């Protein structure tokens, strides 16, 4: 009898893991049969399923660049780094999967790891930011440490991550030649218009083939400790919650060759909206930079000192703002009543029922907690030339007040900025001219997206970087639509239940190079569509703060700020309204 109970329990657990795997992959067709996991139970099985699911969800074989890497160890290292990218994206959404995947990795990589495996372990730990206790000795190299911030910033862009991975492998001494690398195949077709050429693995398998994926993950069957009842209950609940969130993916139509050249965030928008009118000539020269890399330490210190002088009179105001917002959040956490209980406090609204029937058992109410929803806020700052002077100072002070206050309230906050690297076109425009000046080339400037503060970074570590906003040389042109999509793409992968995106800007997108080579409403039309798309997303809330300009013609929820002295009161009222 005990033997049958164990078999039944194992079957229930396997079914729960399979359901969770389908939900994580957003693919209802896969099952545990896709894994070579016979005999596995517990966290090893769950880790194997999580790794497979994240690879199926985040790896796009059609958009993956084709690499003719003849050296088996190099090809394996490149495949493992792509696996690490998928797994890092997965842990960004569900942090608990990292522990499961670690167990599966430990089962896969035993003995003395190969150079490819050591590189994978080091990158995996860096990208997931998971402790990784018990891992075999990974590769320690300063090149990996230098590349990790860049790899993190391109997690959502498979093609860019792939190029960086190859550069890293070359730095680490793997046999990589740039002549052996070809660009992504638009629409997933080969050069002759036929089937896409598949990436050959060290054993002749294709990267999109389930058998090759099985070999890559090395799902060796072995014993594992019995799973506890609490573990089974947890995995069932997780599976059920995830299954409710599954969404049907939408395929791209034919004849959208430029789609493959777009960054991940722009491609997702185009596919969901089924709108392919916005195109980008090239993303080759776009960069995402940490703020402290765009100026010397001395410059940042001087700029921060200037910002402190401007905000000094507002310190008491910031304190009052924080206290008011904290009181509001605590008020939202008060008790509420639930009704129709057979014990507790008497429900006065049902006194008549008690008079009619004194033995009525459901005339009582009980209190229960209604905690404030877990929230993350992303502040996206317009760093364009039109913000120079008083507007950028107002934006910097607004950011200071919001970020410091939200941190005091226990709300994680990310601060981002957007501008271009050049005035009136840069390397992108030069390349367009050299290649024949094609008609309607799309966006023709080089984007510069800036990370002033990540969501996990405490304010005290980021405060100096915020002074960079006041550097005149930074402020150039602005392409708001893509900046919004970039900020949203970062925000959507954060684990919090509630996500708020606040844009601080002074009006319309402007880029002379782009507008002079396309129709005059090219950037503005795209911005309107992006805002409409975001405002209709259920899992994100969008607010705009207009600096000296009314931005209600773009954003449904917007507030205009002209006087710095009214800043704190305006912001607290709008934040409370937003948090209702």
Protein backbone atom coordinates (compact mmCIF):
# COMPACT_ATOMS: atom_id res chain seq x y z
CA UNK A 1 0.00 0.00 0.00
CA UNK A 2 2.84 2.35 0.89
CA UNK A 3 4.44 1.60 -2.47
CA UNK A 4 1.25 2.61 -4.31
CA UNK A 5 0.96 5.79 -2.27
CA UNK A 6 4.48 6.76 -3.25
CA UNK A 7 3.75 6.08 -6.91
CA UNK A 8 0.57 8.16 -6.77
CA UNK A 9 2.42 10.99 -5.03
CA UNK A 10 5.17 10.89 -7.67
CA UNK A 11 2.58 11.06 -10.46
CA UNK A 12 0.87 14.06 -8.86
CA UNK A 13 4.19 15.81 -8.43
CA UNK A 14 5.22 15.13 -12.04
CA UNK A 15 1.89 16.48 -13.30
CA UNK A 16 2.37 19.64 -11.24
CA UNK A 17 5.90 20.15 -12.53
CA UNK A 18 4.70 19.63 -16.11
CA UNK A 19 1.92 22.21 -15.64
CA UNK A 20 4.40 24.71 -14.19
CA UNK A 21 6.79 24.06 -17.07
CA UNK A 22 4.08 24.74 -19.67
CA UNK A 23 3.11 27.94 -17.87
CA UNK A 24 6.69 29.19 -17.61
CA UNK A 25 7.30 28.44 -21.28
CA UNK A 26 3.89 29.84 -22.31
CA UNK A 27 3.61 26.74 -24.47
CA UNK A 28 0.79 24.27 -23.86
CA UNK A 29 2.32 21.62 -26.13
CA UNK A 30 5.41 20.66 -24.12
CA UNK A 31 5.58 18.00 -21.42
CA UNK A 32 8.08 16.13 -19.27
CA UNK A 33 8.57 13.77 -22.17
CA UNK A 34 10.67 16.55 -23.70
CA UNK A 35 13.20 15.97 -20.92
CA UNK A 36 15.44 12.99 -20.33
CA UNK A 37 14.44 12.96 -16.69
CA UNK A 38 13.30 9.44 -15.95
CA UNK A 39 13.64 8.72 -12.25
CA UNK A 40 14.16 12.35 -11.27
CA UNK A 41 12.09 13.93 -8.52
CA UNK A 42 12.30 16.93 -6.21
CA UNK A 43 14.22 20.07 -7.04
CA UNK A 44 16.37 18.43 -9.71
CA UNK A 45 13.31 17.63 -11.80
CA UNK A 46 11.87 21.06 -11.14
CA UNK A 47 15.19 22.68 -12.11
CA UNK A 48 15.41 20.68 -15.32
CA UNK A 49 11.85 21.68 -16.20
CA UNK A 50 12.50 25.35 -15.40
CA UNK A 51 15.63 25.46 -17.55
CA UNK A 52 13.87 23.81 -20.47
CA UNK A 53 10.83 26.09 -20.11
CA UNK A 54 12.86 29.30 -20.03
CA UNK A 55 14.83 28.25 -23.09
CA UNK A 56 11.63 27.50 -25.00
CA UNK A 57 10.11 30.81 -23.94
CA UNK A 58 12.99 33.23 -24.47
CA UNK A 59 15.09 31.65 -27.24
CA UNK A 60 13.96 32.56 -30.75
CA UNK A 61 15.66 30.30 -33.29
CA UNK A 62 14.37 32.38 -36.22
CA UNK A 63 16.00 35.56 -34.89
CA UNK A 64 19.15 33.89 -33.62
CA UNK A 65 22.23 34.81 -35.69
CA UNK A 66 23.79 31.95 -37.61
CA UNK A 67 27.32 31.21 -36.45
CA UNK A 68 29.65 29.00 -38.39
CA UNK A 69 31.84 28.20 -35.42
CA UNK A 70 33.94 25.22 -36.34
CA UNK A 71 35.50 24.64 -32.93
CA UNK A 72 33.16 22.42 -30.84
CA UNK A 73 34.18 23.97 -27.49
CA UNK A 74 33.45 27.50 -28.79
CA UNK A 75 30.07 26.49 -30.15
CA UNK A 76 29.17 24.75 -26.89
CA UNK A 77 30.24 27.82 -24.88
CA UNK A 78 28.13 30.07 -27.09
CA UNK A 79 25.09 27.80 -26.71
CA UNK A 80 25.56 27.68 -22.94
CA UNK A 81 25.73 31.47 -22.70
CA UNK A 82 22.45 31.72 -24.61
CA UNK A 83 21.02 29.21 -22.13
CA UNK A 84 22.29 31.42 -19.28
CA UNK A 85 20.52 34.41 -20.87
CA UNK A 86 17.20 32.57 -20.99
CA UNK A 87 17.58 31.37 -17.41
CA UNK A 88 18.48 34.86 -16.17
CA UNK A 89 15.34 36.26 -17.81
CA UNK A 90 13.35 33.54 -16.08
CA UNK A 91 14.79 34.25 -12.64
CA UNK A 92 13.99 37.93 -13.15
CA UNK A 93 10.32 36.98 -13.26
CA UNK A 94 10.36 34.14 -10.72
CA UNK A 95 13.27 34.39 -8.33
CA UNK A 96 12.59 31.04 -6.68
CA UNK A 97 13.41 29.12 -9.86
CA UNK A 98 17.13 29.92 -9.41
CA UNK A 99 17.45 27.43 -6.53
CA UNK A 100 15.74 24.73 -8.58
CA UNK A 101 17.93 25.36 -11.61
CA UNK A 102 21.07 25.28 -9.49
CA UNK A 103 20.21 21.75 -8.39
CA UNK A 104 19.78 20.67 -12.01
CA UNK A 105 23.04 22.38 -13.03
CA UNK A 106 24.92 20.63 -10.22
CA UNK A 107 23.54 17.32 -11.48
CA UNK A 108 24.56 18.15 -15.04
CA UNK A 109 28.07 19.50 -14.42
CA UNK A 110 30.10 17.09 -12.32
CA UNK A 111 33.78 16.39 -11.91
CA UNK A 112 36.16 18.82 -13.60
CA UNK A 113 34.08 21.24 -15.75
CA UNK A 114 35.19 22.07 -19.28
CA UNK A 115 36.27 25.65 -20.15
CA UNK A 116 32.84 26.22 -21.73
CA UNK A 117 31.07 25.00 -18.59
CA UNK A 118 33.26 27.13 -16.32
CA UNK A 119 32.44 30.18 -18.39
CA UNK A 120 28.74 29.33 -18.25
CA UNK A 121 28.81 28.96 -14.46
CA UNK A 122 30.51 32.32 -13.98
CA UNK A 123 28.12 34.13 -16.35
CA UNK A 124 25.07 32.33 -14.91
CA UNK A 125 25.93 33.39 -11.39
CA UNK A 126 26.61 36.97 -12.53
CA UNK A 127 23.41 37.32 -14.58
CA UNK A 128 21.06 35.71 -12.06
CA UNK A 129 22.85 37.28 -9.06
CA UNK A 130 22.19 34.00 -7.25
CA UNK A 131 24.55 32.77 -4.56
CA UNK A 132 25.44 29.57 -6.36
CA UNK A 133 26.85 27.76 -3.30
CA UNK A 134 28.12 24.32 -4.16
CA UNK A 135 28.98 25.15 -7.77
CA UNK A 136 32.15 23.60 -9.20
CA UNK A 137 35.05 26.01 -9.58
CA UNK A 138 33.96 28.50 -12.21
CA UNK A 139 36.16 30.55 -14.48
CA UNK A 140 37.56 33.67 -12.84
CA UNK A 141 38.53 36.30 -15.38
CA UNK A 142 38.39 40.08 -15.30
CA UNK A 143 36.91 40.05 -18.82
CA UNK A 144 33.81 38.30 -17.49
CA UNK A 145 33.42 40.91 -14.75
CA UNK A 146 33.75 43.70 -17.33
CA UNK A 147 31.23 42.14 -19.71
CA UNK A 148 28.58 41.25 -17.11
CA UNK A 149 26.97 44.75 -16.91
CA UNK A 150 26.71 44.84 -20.71
CA UNK A 151 25.30 41.33 -20.87
CA UNK A 152 22.70 42.25 -18.23
CA UNK A 153 21.57 45.25 -20.24
CA UNK A 154 21.05 43.14 -23.38
CA UNK A 155 19.23 40.21 -21.74
CA UNK A 156 16.04 41.09 -23.59
CA UNK A 157 17.78 41.47 -26.99
CA UNK A 158 18.89 38.06 -28.18
CA UNK A 159 20.90 39.27 -31.18
CA UNK A 160 22.83 41.88 -29.19
CA UNK A 161 23.51 39.39 -26.39
CA UNK A 162 24.80 36.88 -28.93
CA UNK A 163 27.28 39.39 -30.36
CA UNK A 164 28.51 40.32 -26.89
CA UNK A 165 28.86 36.63 -26.00
CA UNK A 166 31.09 36.05 -29.00
CA UNK A 167 33.21 39.07 -28.10
CA UNK A 168 33.57 37.75 -24.55
CA UNK A 169 34.52 34.27 -25.74
CA UNK A 170 37.16 35.78 -28.00
CA UNK A 171 38.58 37.74 -25.05
CA UNK A 172 38.65 34.51 -23.03
CA UNK A 173 40.78 32.74 -25.65
CA UNK A 174 38.13 30.68 -27.45
CA UNK A 175 38.60 30.23 -31.20
CA UNK A 176 36.21 32.86 -32.56
CA UNK A 177 36.55 34.61 -35.91
CA UNK A 178 34.26 37.48 -36.88
CA UNK A 179 34.43 36.29 -40.47
CA UNK A 180 32.55 33.18 -39.40
CA UNK A 181 29.56 35.12 -38.11
CA UNK A 182 26.61 36.16 -40.24
CA UNK A 183 23.75 38.47 -39.34
CA UNK A 184 20.26 37.34 -38.27
CA UNK A 185 18.14 35.99 -41.06
CA UNK A 186 15.06 38.24 -41.52
CA UNK A 187 11.91 36.24 -41.05
CA UNK A 188 13.95 33.11 -40.31
CA UNK A 189 14.59 32.26 -43.98
CA UNK A 190 17.84 31.22 -45.60
CA UNK A 191 19.71 33.33 -48.14
CA UNK A 192 18.12 31.46 -51.00
CA UNK A 193 14.62 31.98 -49.60
CA UNK A 194 14.35 28.40 -48.41
CA UNK A 195 14.40 26.89 -44.98
CA UNK A 196 16.67 28.57 -42.42
CA UNK A 197 20.10 27.06 -42.08
CA UNK A 198 20.33 25.41 -38.69
CA UNK A 199 23.15 25.93 -36.27
CA UNK A 200 25.25 22.83 -36.08
CA UNK A 201 26.34 21.66 -32.65
CA UNK A 202 29.50 19.78 -31.75
CA UNK A 203 27.74 16.48 -32.34
CA UNK A 204 25.95 17.53 -35.52
CA UNK A 205 22.67 18.50 -33.82
CA UNK A 206 20.70 21.66 -34.50
CA UNK A 207 20.16 24.30 -31.82
CA UNK A 208 16.42 24.31 -32.48
CA UNK A 209 16.18 20.50 -32.28
CA UNK A 210 14.83 19.08 -28.99
CA UNK A 211 17.47 16.36 -29.13
CA UNK A 212 20.24 18.98 -29.32
CA UNK A 213 18.67 20.84 -26.46
CA UNK A 214 18.60 17.67 -24.42
CA UNK A 215 22.30 17.14 -25.07
CA UNK A 216 22.99 20.78 -24.20
CA UNK A 217 21.22 20.52 -20.86
CA UNK A 218 22.72 17.04 -20.21
CA UNK A 219 19.69 15.79 -18.40
CA UNK A 220 21.23 12.71 -16.82
CA UNK A 221 18.82 10.42 -14.99
CA UNK A 222 19.72 9.77 -11.35
CA UNK A 223 18.11 9.40 -7.94
CA UNK A 224 16.82 12.24 -5.76
CA UNK A 225 15.34 12.54 -2.30
CA UNK A 226 11.60 12.21 -1.90
CA UNK A 227 9.65 15.44 -2.20
CA UNK A 228 7.80 16.65 0.87
CA UNK A 229 4.06 17.31 0.90
CA UNK A 230 4.70 21.04 1.37
CA UNK A 231 6.91 21.10 -1.73
CA UNK A 232 4.16 19.41 -3.72
CA UNK A 233 1.56 21.88 -2.51
CA UNK A 234 3.83 24.81 -3.41
CA UNK A 235 4.47 23.55 -6.91
CA UNK A 236 0.72 22.92 -7.46
CA UNK A 237 -0.15 26.46 -6.37
CA UNK A 238 2.63 27.92 -8.52
CA UNK A 239 1.51 25.93 -11.53
CA UNK A 240 -2.12 26.99 -11.14
CA UNK A 241 -1.17 30.67 -10.79
CA UNK A 242 1.11 30.57 -13.79
CA UNK A 243 -1.37 28.74 -15.99
CA UNK A 244 -3.84 31.57 -15.48
CA UNK A 245 -1.26 34.04 -16.83
CA UNK A 246 -0.46 32.18 -20.04
CA UNK A 247 -0.93 34.26 -23.18
CA UNK A 248 -1.05 33.24 -26.82
CA UNK A 249 1.92 34.49 -28.81
CA UNK A 250 1.33 36.20 -32.16
CA UNK A 251 3.45 35.50 -35.17
CA UNK A 252 4.90 38.20 -37.39
CA UNK A 253 3.38 38.54 -40.85
CA UNK A 254 5.37 38.06 -44.02
CA UNK A 255 7.41 40.82 -45.68
CA UNK A 256 8.55 42.51 -42.48
CA UNK A 257 12.28 42.12 -43.04
CA UNK A 258 13.12 45.12 -40.89
CA UNK A 259 11.48 43.46 -37.87
CA UNK A 260 14.46 41.17 -37.25
CA UNK A 261 16.76 44.19 -37.04
CA UNK A 262 14.75 45.81 -34.24
CA UNK A 263 15.68 45.52 -30.57
CA UNK A 264 13.53 43.15 -28.54
CA UNK A 265 11.40 45.87 -26.95
CA UNK A 266 10.43 47.44 -30.31
CA UNK A 267 9.80 44.06 -31.93
CA UNK A 268 7.41 43.00 -29.16
CA UNK A 269 5.39 46.20 -29.57
CA UNK A 270 5.17 45.80 -33.35
CA UNK A 271 4.03 42.19 -33.10
CA UNK A 272 1.37 42.82 -30.45
CA UNK A 273 0.01 45.93 -32.17
CA UNK A 274 0.39 44.37 -35.63
CA UNK A 275 1.77 47.73 -36.69
CA UNK A 276 5.02 47.72 -38.68
CA UNK A 277 5.05 51.34 -39.80
CA UNK A 278 7.92 52.33 -37.49
CA UNK A 279 11.31 51.13 -38.62
CA UNK A 280 14.90 51.60 -37.52
CA UNK A 281 17.74 51.93 -40.03
CA UNK A 282 20.28 50.32 -37.69
CA UNK A 283 20.78 49.62 -33.98
CA UNK A 284 24.50 49.01 -34.42
CA UNK A 285 25.50 52.26 -32.73
CA UNK A 286 22.88 52.35 -29.94
CA UNK A 287 24.21 52.06 -26.40
CA UNK A 288 22.93 51.59 -22.86
CA UNK A 289 25.31 53.09 -20.30
CA UNK A 290 25.60 53.35 -16.55
CA UNK A 291 25.56 57.05 -15.62
CA UNK A 292 28.87 56.93 -13.77
CA UNK A 293 30.64 55.88 -16.98
CA UNK A 294 29.64 59.02 -18.87
CA UNK A 295 31.68 61.45 -16.78
CA UNK A 296 34.76 61.47 -14.59
CA UNK A 297 34.45 61.16 -10.83
CA UNK A 298 35.48 64.79 -10.38
CA UNK A 299 32.79 65.96 -12.81
CA UNK A 300 30.13 63.91 -11.05
CA UNK A 301 31.15 65.25 -7.65
CA UNK A 302 30.96 68.84 -8.90
CA UNK A 303 27.59 68.30 -10.59
CA UNK A 304 26.22 66.60 -7.48
CA UNK A 305 27.38 69.50 -5.31
CA UNK A 306 25.50 71.90 -7.60
CA UNK A 307 22.34 69.77 -7.40
CA UNK A 308 22.62 69.64 -3.60
CA UNK A 309 22.74 73.44 -3.50
CA UNK A 310 19.53 73.57 -5.52
CA UNK A 311 17.71 71.00 -3.36
CA UNK A 312 18.97 72.26 0.04
CA UNK A 313 15.93 74.54 0.62
CA UNK A 314 13.65 71.57 -0.11
CA UNK A 315 14.97 69.10 2.45
CA UNK A 316 12.14 69.79 4.91
CA UNK A 317 9.68 69.64 2.02
CA UNK A 318 11.00 66.19 1.04
CA UNK A 319 10.54 65.02 4.64
CA UNK A 320 6.92 66.20 4.72
CA UNK A 321 6.26 64.60 1.35
CA UNK A 322 7.69 61.26 2.51
CA UNK A 323 5.72 61.34 5.77
CA UNK A 324 2.45 62.09 3.96
CA UNK A 325 2.97 59.30 1.44
CA UNK A 326 3.98 56.85 4.17
CA UNK A 327 0.82 57.67 6.14
CA UNK A 328 -1.24 57.02 3.04
CA UNK A 329 0.38 53.63 2.42
CA UNK A 330 -0.08 52.60 6.04
CA UNK A 331 -3.72 53.70 5.87
CA UNK A 332 -4.18 51.40 2.89
CA UNK A 333 -2.91 48.52 5.03
CA UNK A 334 -5.65 48.82 7.64
CA UNK A 335 -8.11 46.06 8.40
CA UNK A 336 -11.24 45.42 6.38
CA UNK A 337 -14.29 43.28 7.17
CA UNK A 338 -15.39 39.97 5.73
CA UNK A 339 -18.99 38.93 6.27
CA UNK A 340 -21.21 35.86 6.73
CA UNK A 341 -19.27 34.20 9.56
CA UNK A 342 -20.75 32.15 12.41
CA UNK A 343 -18.60 33.96 14.97
CA UNK A 344 -16.91 37.30 15.44
CA UNK A 345 -18.43 40.79 15.59
CA UNK A 346 -22.15 41.18 15.09
CA UNK A 347 -23.07 42.45 11.62
CA UNK A 348 -25.56 45.25 12.37
CA UNK A 349 -26.89 45.21 8.81
CA UNK A 350 -28.35 41.75 9.47
CA UNK A 351 -30.10 42.47 12.79
CA UNK A 352 -33.49 41.84 11.19
CA UNK A 353 -32.42 38.32 10.26
CA UNK A 354 -31.40 37.63 13.85
CA UNK A 355 -34.79 38.88 15.11
CA UNK A 356 -36.54 36.54 12.71
CA UNK A 357 -34.23 33.62 13.44
CA UNK A 358 -31.98 34.01 16.54
CA UNK A 359 -30.11 30.87 15.56
CA UNK A 360 -29.02 32.24 12.19
CA UNK A 361 -25.34 31.20 12.09
CA UNK A 362 -24.07 33.67 9.45
CA UNK A 363 -24.71 37.08 11.02
CA UNK A 364 -21.18 37.93 12.09
CA UNK A 365 -18.20 39.64 10.51
CA UNK A 366 -14.42 39.29 10.98
CA UNK A 367 -11.51 41.58 10.22
CA UNK A 368 -8.69 40.72 7.84
CA UNK A 369 -5.57 42.49 6.60
CA UNK A 370 -5.49 44.24 3.21
CA UNK A 371 -1.79 44.87 2.66
CA UNK A 372 -0.55 47.42 0.12
CA UNK A 373 0.34 45.71 -3.12
CA UNK A 374 4.02 45.05 -3.82
CA UNK A 375 5.03 47.95 -6.08
CA UNK A 376 8.00 49.03 -8.24
CA UNK A 377 8.35 52.46 -9.87
CA UNK A 378 10.47 53.36 -12.92
CA UNK A 379 11.32 57.04 -13.47
CA UNK A 380 12.17 57.80 -17.11
CA UNK A 381 13.83 61.21 -17.61
CA UNK A 382 13.97 63.16 -20.88
CA UNK A 383 17.62 64.22 -21.31
CA UNK A 384 17.10 66.22 -24.51
CA UNK A 385 18.53 69.63 -25.39
CA UNK A 386 15.17 71.35 -24.96
CA UNK A 387 15.39 70.47 -21.27
CA UNK A 388 18.56 72.52 -20.81
CA UNK A 389 18.52 75.07 -17.98
CA UNK A 390 15.59 75.35 -15.59
CA UNK A 391 13.60 72.36 -17.02
CA UNK A 392 16.38 69.82 -16.41
CA UNK A 393 16.94 71.24 -12.94
CA UNK A 394 13.23 70.80 -12.21
CA UNK A 395 13.38 67.25 -13.59
CA UNK A 396 16.41 66.42 -11.43
CA UNK A 397 14.74 67.81 -8.30
CA UNK A 398 11.52 65.91 -9.13
CA UNK A 399 13.50 62.71 -9.49
CA UNK A 400 15.33 63.37 -6.22
CA UNK A 401 12.08 63.88 -4.31
CA UNK A 402 10.30 60.88 -5.82
CA UNK A 403 13.19 58.42 -5.53
CA UNK A 404 14.14 59.30 -1.96
CA UNK A 405 10.54 59.28 -0.80
CA UNK A 406 9.63 56.01 -2.46
CA UNK A 407 12.71 54.33 -1.00
CA UNK A 408 11.69 55.49 2.48
CA UNK A 409 8.29 53.94 1.84
CA UNK A 410 9.87 50.60 0.89
CA UNK A 411 9.02 50.91 -2.83
CA UNK A 412 11.81 49.88 -5.21
CA UNK A 413 12.63 52.61 -7.71
CA UNK A 414 14.59 52.62 -10.97
CA UNK A 415 15.84 55.85 -12.61
CA UNK A 416 16.50 55.89 -16.36
CA UNK A 417 17.33 58.60 -18.88
CA UNK A 418 17.15 58.89 -22.65
CA UNK A 419 18.79 61.04 -25.31
CA UNK A 420 20.90 60.57 -28.46
CA UNK A 421 24.67 60.33 -28.84
CA UNK A 422 24.85 63.08 -31.48
CA UNK A 423 23.05 66.13 -32.80
CA UNK A 424 21.29 65.77 -36.17
CA UNK A 425 22.32 62.20 -36.79
CA UNK A 426 25.42 60.24 -35.96
CA UNK A 427 27.03 57.06 -37.19
CA UNK A 428 23.61 55.71 -38.22
CA UNK A 429 23.04 58.61 -40.61
CA UNK A 430 26.58 58.31 -42.00
CA UNK A 431 26.02 54.62 -42.73
CA UNK A 432 22.70 55.46 -44.42
CA UNK A 433 24.41 57.97 -46.71
CA UNK A 434 27.24 55.56 -47.57
CA UNK A 435 24.82 52.73 -48.40
CA UNK A 436 22.78 54.76 -50.90
CA UNK A 437 20.29 56.89 -48.93
CA UNK A 438 17.34 54.48 -49.05
CA UNK A 439 13.87 56.04 -48.99
CA UNK A 440 12.06 56.31 -45.63
CA UNK A 441 14.97 54.79 -43.65
CA UNK A 442 13.25 55.19 -40.28
CA UNK A 443 15.09 56.30 -37.15
CA UNK A 444 18.50 57.69 -38.16
CA UNK A 445 20.27 58.66 -34.94
CA UNK A 446 22.24 56.70 -32.37
CA UNK A 447 20.32 56.18 -29.12
CA UNK A 448 21.87 56.71 -25.72
CA UNK A 449 19.87 55.14 -22.89
CA UNK A 450 21.18 55.83 -19.40
CA UNK A 451 20.78 53.94 -16.14
CA UNK A 452 21.12 56.38 -13.24
CA UNK A 453 19.89 53.91 -10.63
CA UNK A 454 18.81 50.29 -10.90
CA UNK A 455 15.86 49.09 -8.84
CA UNK A 456 18.11 47.09 -6.52
CA UNK A 457 20.59 49.90 -5.89
CA UNK A 458 20.11 51.94 -2.69
CA UNK A 459 19.70 55.68 -3.14
CA UNK A 460 22.94 56.60 -1.33
CA UNK A 461 24.97 54.70 -3.95
CA UNK A 462 23.21 56.33 -6.89
CA UNK A 463 22.88 59.93 -5.67
CA UNK A 464 26.15 61.08 -7.23
CA UNK A 465 25.23 59.72 -10.67
CA UNK A 466 22.03 61.77 -10.75
CA UNK A 467 24.09 64.94 -11.05
CA UNK A 468 25.00 63.83 -14.59
CA UNK A 469 21.64 65.24 -15.76
CA UNK A 470 23.03 68.74 -15.30
CA UNK A 471 25.92 68.16 -17.72
CA UNK A 472 25.22 70.32 -20.78
CA UNK A 473 27.08 68.04 -23.17
CA UNK A 474 24.75 65.15 -22.37
CA UNK A 475 21.52 66.79 -23.52
CA UNK A 476 20.90 66.29 -27.24
CA UNK A 477 17.80 64.94 -29.04
CA UNK A 478 14.98 62.67 -27.87
CA UNK A 479 13.16 59.69 -29.34
CA UNK A 480 10.48 59.14 -26.72
CA UNK A 481 8.63 56.16 -28.21
CA UNK A 482 11.60 53.80 -28.15
CA UNK A 483 12.64 55.07 -24.71
CA UNK A 484 9.20 54.19 -23.31
CA UNK A 485 9.40 50.71 -24.83
CA UNK A 486 12.89 50.21 -23.41
CA UNK A 487 11.82 51.29 -19.92
CA UNK A 488 8.71 49.08 -20.10
CA UNK A 489 10.76 46.09 -21.22
CA UNK A 490 12.96 46.45 -18.12
CA UNK A 491 9.97 47.02 -15.86
CA UNK A 492 7.92 44.06 -17.04
CA UNK A 493 10.60 41.58 -15.97
CA UNK A 494 10.59 42.79 -12.37
CA UNK A 495 8.84 40.52 -9.85
CA UNK A 496 6.56 43.11 -8.18
CA UNK A 497 2.82 42.76 -8.65
CA UNK A 498 2.24 46.44 -9.40
CA UNK A 499 4.41 48.36 -11.89
CA UNK A 500 4.34 52.14 -12.37
CA UNK A 501 6.19 54.01 -15.13
CA UNK A 502 6.58 57.79 -14.63
CA UNK A 503 7.88 59.83 -17.58
CA UNK A 504 9.38 63.26 -16.87
CA UNK A 505 9.53 65.21 -20.13
CA UNK A 506 8.82 68.55 -21.76
CA UNK A 507 6.89 67.57 -24.85
CA UNK A 508 7.24 66.02 -28.30
CA UNK A 509 10.05 63.78 -29.62
CA UNK A 510 12.56 65.58 -31.84
CA UNK A 511 15.37 64.22 -34.01
CA UNK A 512 16.35 66.30 -37.05
CA UNK A 513 18.08 63.50 -38.96
CA UNK A 514 15.08 61.19 -38.65
CA UNK A 515 12.40 63.80 -39.38
CA UNK A 516 14.23 65.22 -42.40
CA UNK A 517 14.37 61.77 -44.05
CA UNK A 518 10.86 60.55 -43.13
CA UNK A 519 7.48 62.24 -42.90
CA UNK A 520 7.19 65.01 -40.33
CA UNK A 521 4.97 63.06 -37.90
CA UNK A 522 7.07 59.89 -37.95
CA UNK A 523 8.27 60.06 -34.32
CA UNK A 524 5.14 61.65 -32.87
CA UNK A 525 2.84 59.05 -34.42
CA UNK A 526 4.99 56.28 -32.98
CA UNK A 527 4.91 57.91 -29.53
CA UNK A 528 1.10 58.17 -29.60
CA UNK A 529 0.82 54.47 -30.50
CA UNK A 530 3.28 53.39 -27.80
CA UNK A 531 1.47 55.41 -25.14
CA UNK A 532 -1.89 54.00 -26.22
CA UNK A 533 -0.44 50.47 -26.05
CA UNK A 534 1.03 50.99 -22.59
CA UNK A 535 -2.06 52.70 -21.17
CA UNK A 536 -4.09 49.64 -22.15
CA UNK A 537 -1.73 47.21 -20.44
CA UNK A 538 -3.33 45.84 -17.28
CA UNK A 539 -0.06 45.16 -15.47
CA UNK A 540 1.49 48.63 -15.82
CA UNK A 541 0.38 52.16 -14.96
CA UNK A 542 1.69 55.16 -16.88
CA UNK A 543 1.99 58.74 -15.61
CA UNK A 544 3.71 61.74 -17.20
CA UNK A 545 5.10 64.82 -15.47
CA UNK A 546 5.31 67.69 -17.95
CA UNK A 547 8.11 70.13 -17.17
CA UNK A 548 6.79 73.54 -18.20
CA UNK A 549 4.55 72.02 -20.87
CA UNK A 550 1.13 70.43 -20.91
CA UNK A 551 1.60 66.82 -22.03
CA UNK A 552 -2.04 65.76 -21.76
CA UNK A 553 -2.24 65.59 -25.57
CA UNK A 554 0.02 62.55 -25.28
CA UNK A 555 -0.68 61.00 -21.87
CA UNK A 556 -4.06 60.29 -20.28
CA UNK A 557 -2.60 60.67 -16.76
CA UNK A 558 -0.39 63.75 -16.67
CA UNK A 559 0.52 66.68 -14.45
CA UNK A 560 2.23 69.94 -15.40
CA UNK A 561 4.95 71.47 -13.19
CA UNK A 562 6.21 75.01 -13.75
CA UNK A 563 7.28 76.17 -10.29
CA UNK A 564 9.84 74.17 -8.30
CA UNK A 565 8.30 75.53 -5.09
CA UNK A 566 5.03 73.73 -5.87
CA UNK A 567 6.84 70.55 -6.83
CA UNK A 568 6.55 68.45 -3.67
CA UNK A 569 2.86 69.12 -3.07
CA UNK A 570 1.98 68.43 -6.71
CA UNK A 571 3.95 65.19 -6.74
CA UNK A 572 2.52 63.83 -3.50
CA UNK A 573 -1.05 64.53 -4.59
CA UNK A 574 -0.49 62.87 -7.96
CA UNK A 575 1.27 59.84 -6.43
CA UNK A 576 -1.57 59.34 -3.95
CA UNK A 577 -4.08 59.61 -6.80
CA UNK A 578 -2.07 57.08 -8.79
CA UNK A 579 -1.76 54.65 -5.89
CA UNK A 580 -5.52 54.55 -5.19
